Amino acid sequence: MDGISRLTKVEPVPGLIRCHNWSKTVDRAQKEQLVDDLGQIFESSGVVVVAHYEGMTVAEMQDLRAHMREAGGSVRVAKNKLAKIALEGKPCASIAEYLEGMTVLAYSEDPVAAAKVVDKYAKENDKLVILGGAMGDTALDVAGVKAVAGMPSREELIASIVGCIGAPASNIAGAIGAPASNIASVLSTIEEKAA
């Protein structure tokens, strides 16, 4: 009994540095820096998606972050009040209405990438619930985010344009490399059409 009572009384240890307690509030300078960082995100992002993440494990959140990084985007959890302050005067200020409860912000410069990743992840994990978002100054509801997610990404568009540009060149190269009989038949067809 005597040993237990000694354990409950904790004496401060001289020279021991205490770790920061997570429950303590963030000081004013840190809050201002966070608001500035969020403001930069809101200004520079092609799309911002807001979702509830209540019940997600740390591993699931890390998985979402990894998928978003692969797509060229990021995921941020911030205090709703600070995010609302950062949204003031920004093009995507319409998302402030979604900042209630446990929210996560997914964003990317590519106007489609963040929406694609969040939509796909929400289909696989029912703990992530899309609330809405914004593409520049255009507000998006859940259906809008899903519609944006269905659009081709910047990389997909570039690949299709390059494919279209490269197709005529490959046709010419194929015709040049074809056997002489194919070229002769093509020339005779052209002669017949001209006659």
Protein backbone atom coordinates (compact mmCIF):
# COMPACT_ATOMS: atom_id res chain seq x y z
CA MET A 1 0.00 0.00 0.00
CA ASP A 2 2.79 2.38 0.89
CA GLY A 3 4.48 1.82 -2.52
CA ILE A 4 1.28 2.62 -4.40
CA SER A 5 0.72 5.89 -2.59
CA ARG A 6 4.28 6.91 -3.43
CA LEU A 7 3.61 6.26 -7.15
CA THR A 8 0.55 8.50 -7.27
CA LYS A 9 2.50 11.50 -6.04
CA VAL A 10 4.66 12.75 -8.89
CA GLU A 11 7.50 15.11 -8.06
CA PRO A 12 8.91 17.35 -10.79
CA VAL A 13 12.30 16.18 -12.01
CA PRO A 14 14.91 18.97 -12.20
CA GLY A 15 16.25 19.49 -15.73
CA LEU A 16 13.45 17.48 -17.37
CA ILE A 17 11.97 19.19 -20.40
CA ARG A 18 8.27 18.61 -20.71
CA CYS A 19 6.82 17.76 -24.14
CA HIS A 20 4.21 20.03 -25.66
CA ASN A 21 0.74 18.96 -24.64
CA TRP A 22 -1.52 18.43 -27.69
CA SER A 23 -4.54 19.72 -25.83
CA LYS A 24 -2.98 23.16 -25.33
CA THR A 25 -4.16 25.82 -27.71
CA VAL A 26 -2.01 27.03 -30.56
CA ASP A 27 -0.58 30.47 -29.91
CA ARG A 28 -1.60 33.49 -31.96
CA ALA A 29 1.47 33.55 -34.24
CA GLN A 30 0.98 29.90 -35.16
CA LYS A 31 -2.70 30.53 -35.87
CA GLU A 32 -1.85 33.48 -38.12
CA GLN A 33 0.71 31.35 -39.98
CA LEU A 34 -1.85 28.56 -40.39
CA VAL A 35 -4.45 31.01 -41.74
CA ASP A 36 -1.86 32.36 -44.22
CA ASP A 37 -0.94 28.81 -45.32
CA LEU A 38 -4.59 27.89 -45.81
CA GLY A 39 -5.17 31.13 -47.73
CA GLN A 40 -2.36 30.22 -50.13
CA ILE A 41 -3.89 26.76 -50.60
CA PHE A 42 -7.32 28.22 -51.33
CA GLU A 43 -5.90 30.71 -53.85
CA SER A 44 -3.58 28.37 -55.74
CA SER A 45 -5.67 25.19 -55.90
CA GLY A 46 -7.57 24.21 -59.01
CA VAL A 47 -10.05 22.28 -56.89
CA VAL A 48 -10.75 21.96 -53.16
CA VAL A 49 -12.91 19.11 -51.84
CA VAL A 50 -14.35 19.07 -48.32
CA ALA A 51 -15.26 15.76 -46.68
CA HIS A 52 -16.10 14.33 -43.26
CA TYR A 53 -13.61 11.77 -42.03
CA GLU A 54 -15.16 10.75 -38.72
CA GLY A 55 -14.19 7.20 -37.76
CA MET A 56 -11.22 6.93 -40.12
CA THR A 57 -8.13 5.37 -38.60
CA VAL A 58 -4.68 6.93 -38.80
CA ALA A 59 -3.67 4.23 -41.30
CA GLU A 60 -6.67 5.04 -43.51
CA MET A 61 -5.84 8.76 -43.41
CA GLN A 62 -2.21 8.02 -44.30
CA ASP A 63 -3.45 5.87 -47.19
CA LEU A 64 -5.64 8.74 -48.44
CA ARG A 65 -2.69 11.13 -48.17
CA ALA A 66 -0.47 8.70 -50.13
CA HIS A 67 -3.06 8.37 -52.93
CA MET A 68 -3.44 12.14 -53.05
CA ARG A 69 0.35 12.66 -53.20
CA GLU A 70 0.57 10.21 -56.13
CA ALA A 71 -2.03 12.30 -57.97
CA GLY A 72 -0.19 15.55 -57.25
CA GLY A 73 -2.52 16.81 -54.53
CA SER A 74 -2.56 17.12 -50.75
CA VAL A 75 -4.82 16.51 -47.79
CA ARG A 76 -5.09 18.90 -44.86
CA VAL A 77 -6.98 18.76 -41.59
CA ALA A 78 -7.42 22.19 -40.03
CA LYS A 79 -9.63 23.82 -37.45
CA ASN A 80 -12.85 24.85 -39.16
CA LYS A 81 -12.80 28.32 -37.58
CA LEU A 82 -9.29 29.04 -38.92
CA ALA A 83 -10.20 27.65 -42.35
CA LYS A 84 -13.25 29.93 -42.46
CA ILE A 85 -11.06 32.94 -41.65
CA ALA A 86 -8.62 31.90 -44.41
CA LEU A 87 -11.51 31.60 -46.90
CA GLU A 88 -12.59 35.24 -46.50
CA GLY A 89 -12.18 37.01 -49.83
CA LYS A 90 -10.94 33.90 -51.64
CA PRO A 91 -12.54 32.56 -54.84
CA CYS A 92 -13.61 29.31 -53.16
CA ALA A 93 -15.23 31.01 -50.13
CA SER A 94 -18.43 29.08 -50.86
CA ILE A 95 -17.00 25.96 -49.18
CA ALA A 96 -17.22 27.66 -45.75
CA GLU A 97 -20.73 26.24 -45.36
CA TYR A 98 -19.28 22.70 -45.40
CA LEU A 99 -16.80 23.35 -42.59
CA GLU A 100 -18.75 21.81 -39.73
CA GLY A 101 -17.68 18.78 -37.72
CA MET A 102 -14.63 16.64 -38.50
CA THR A 103 -13.67 17.92 -41.95
CA VAL A 104 -10.71 17.26 -44.18
CA LEU A 105 -9.61 19.42 -47.11
CA ALA A 106 -8.30 17.71 -50.25
CA TYR A 107 -6.82 19.98 -52.89
CA SER A 108 -4.70 19.99 -56.04
CA GLU A 109 -3.52 22.40 -58.70
CA ASP A 110 -4.95 20.04 -61.32
CA PRO A 111 -8.66 20.91 -61.37
CA VAL A 112 -9.61 17.24 -61.41
CA ALA A 113 -7.00 15.25 -59.43
CA ALA A 114 -8.21 15.88 -55.87
CA ALA A 115 -11.84 15.20 -56.80
CA LYS A 116 -10.87 11.92 -58.53
CA VAL A 117 -8.87 10.65 -55.56
CA VAL A 118 -11.45 11.61 -52.92
CA ASP A 119 -14.33 10.19 -54.97
CA LYS A 120 -12.52 6.88 -55.52
CA TYR A 121 -11.44 6.66 -51.87
CA ALA A 122 -14.96 7.48 -50.62
CA LYS A 123 -16.34 4.59 -52.72
CA GLU A 124 -13.88 2.22 -51.00
CA ASN A 125 -14.21 3.66 -47.48
CA ASP A 126 -17.66 4.68 -46.23
CA LYS A 127 -16.11 6.67 -43.35
CA LEU A 128 -15.03 9.37 -45.83
CA VAL A 129 -18.13 11.32 -46.83
CA ILE A 130 -17.89 14.02 -49.51
CA LEU A 131 -19.68 17.22 -48.52
CA GLY A 132 -18.86 19.47 -51.48
CA GLY A 133 -16.09 21.65 -52.79
CA ALA A 134 -15.09 24.41 -55.14
CA MET A 135 -13.36 24.76 -58.47
CA GLY A 136 -12.14 28.34 -58.45
CA ASP A 137 -15.18 30.48 -57.69
CA THR A 138 -17.60 27.73 -58.77
CA ALA A 139 -19.24 25.99 -55.80
CA LEU A 140 -19.62 22.22 -56.07
CA ASP A 141 -22.13 20.08 -54.24
CA VAL A 142 -21.63 16.31 -53.88
CA ALA A 143 -22.91 15.68 -57.42
CA GLY A 144 -20.62 18.44 -58.72
CA VAL A 145 -17.56 16.86 -57.10
CA LYS A 146 -18.52 13.49 -58.60
CA ALA A 147 -18.98 15.12 -62.03
CA VAL A 148 -15.55 16.74 -61.81
CA ALA A 149 -14.09 13.38 -60.73
CA GLY A 150 -15.47 11.85 -63.94
CA MET A 151 -13.63 14.34 -66.14
CA PRO A 152 -10.23 13.49 -67.65
CA SER A 153 -7.22 14.80 -65.74
CA ARG A 154 -4.65 17.19 -67.20
CA GLU A 155 -2.28 14.28 -67.92
CA GLU A 156 -5.04 12.29 -69.65
CA LEU A 157 -5.94 15.30 -71.83
CA ILE A 158 -2.31 15.89 -72.78
CA ALA A 159 -1.89 12.21 -73.67
CA SER A 160 -4.98 12.25 -75.91
CA ILE A 161 -3.84 15.47 -77.65
CA VAL A 162 -0.38 14.02 -78.25
CA GLY A 163 -2.04 10.87 -79.58
CA CYS A 164 -4.14 12.91 -82.01
CA ILE A 165 -1.16 14.91 -83.18
CA GLY A 166 1.00 11.81 -83.54
CA ALA A 167 -1.60 9.76 -85.45
CA PRO A 168 -1.20 11.43 -88.90
CA ALA A 169 2.59 11.17 -88.64
CA SER A 170 2.39 7.48 -87.78
CA ASN A 171 0.03 6.91 -90.73
CA ILE A 172 2.53 8.55 -93.10
CA ALA A 173 5.38 6.58 -91.58
CA GLY A 174 3.37 3.37 -91.96
CA ALA A 175 2.60 4.14 -95.59
CA ILE A 176 6.25 4.85 -96.32
CA GLY A 177 7.33 1.65 -94.63
CA ALA A 178 4.66 -0.45 -96.35
CA PRO A 179 5.58 -2.82 -99.15
CA ALA A 180 5.66 -1.35 -102.64
CA SER A 181 2.49 -3.22 -103.60
CA ASN A 182 0.50 -1.34 -100.96
CA ILE A 183 1.87 1.98 -102.19
CA ALA A 184 1.04 1.03 -105.79
CA SER A 185 -2.53 0.14 -104.81
CA VAL A 186 -2.92 3.44 -102.96
CA LEU A 187 -1.62 5.35 -105.99
CA SER A 188 -3.95 3.48 -108.36
CA THR A 189 -6.91 4.27 -106.09
CA ILE A 190 -5.97 7.95 -106.15
CA GLU A 191 -5.69 7.84 -109.98
CA GLU A 192 -9.14 6.23 -110.26
CA LYS A 193 -10.68 8.92 -108.06
CA ALA A 194 -9.03 11.66 -110.08
CA ALA A 195 -10.26 10.22 -113.39
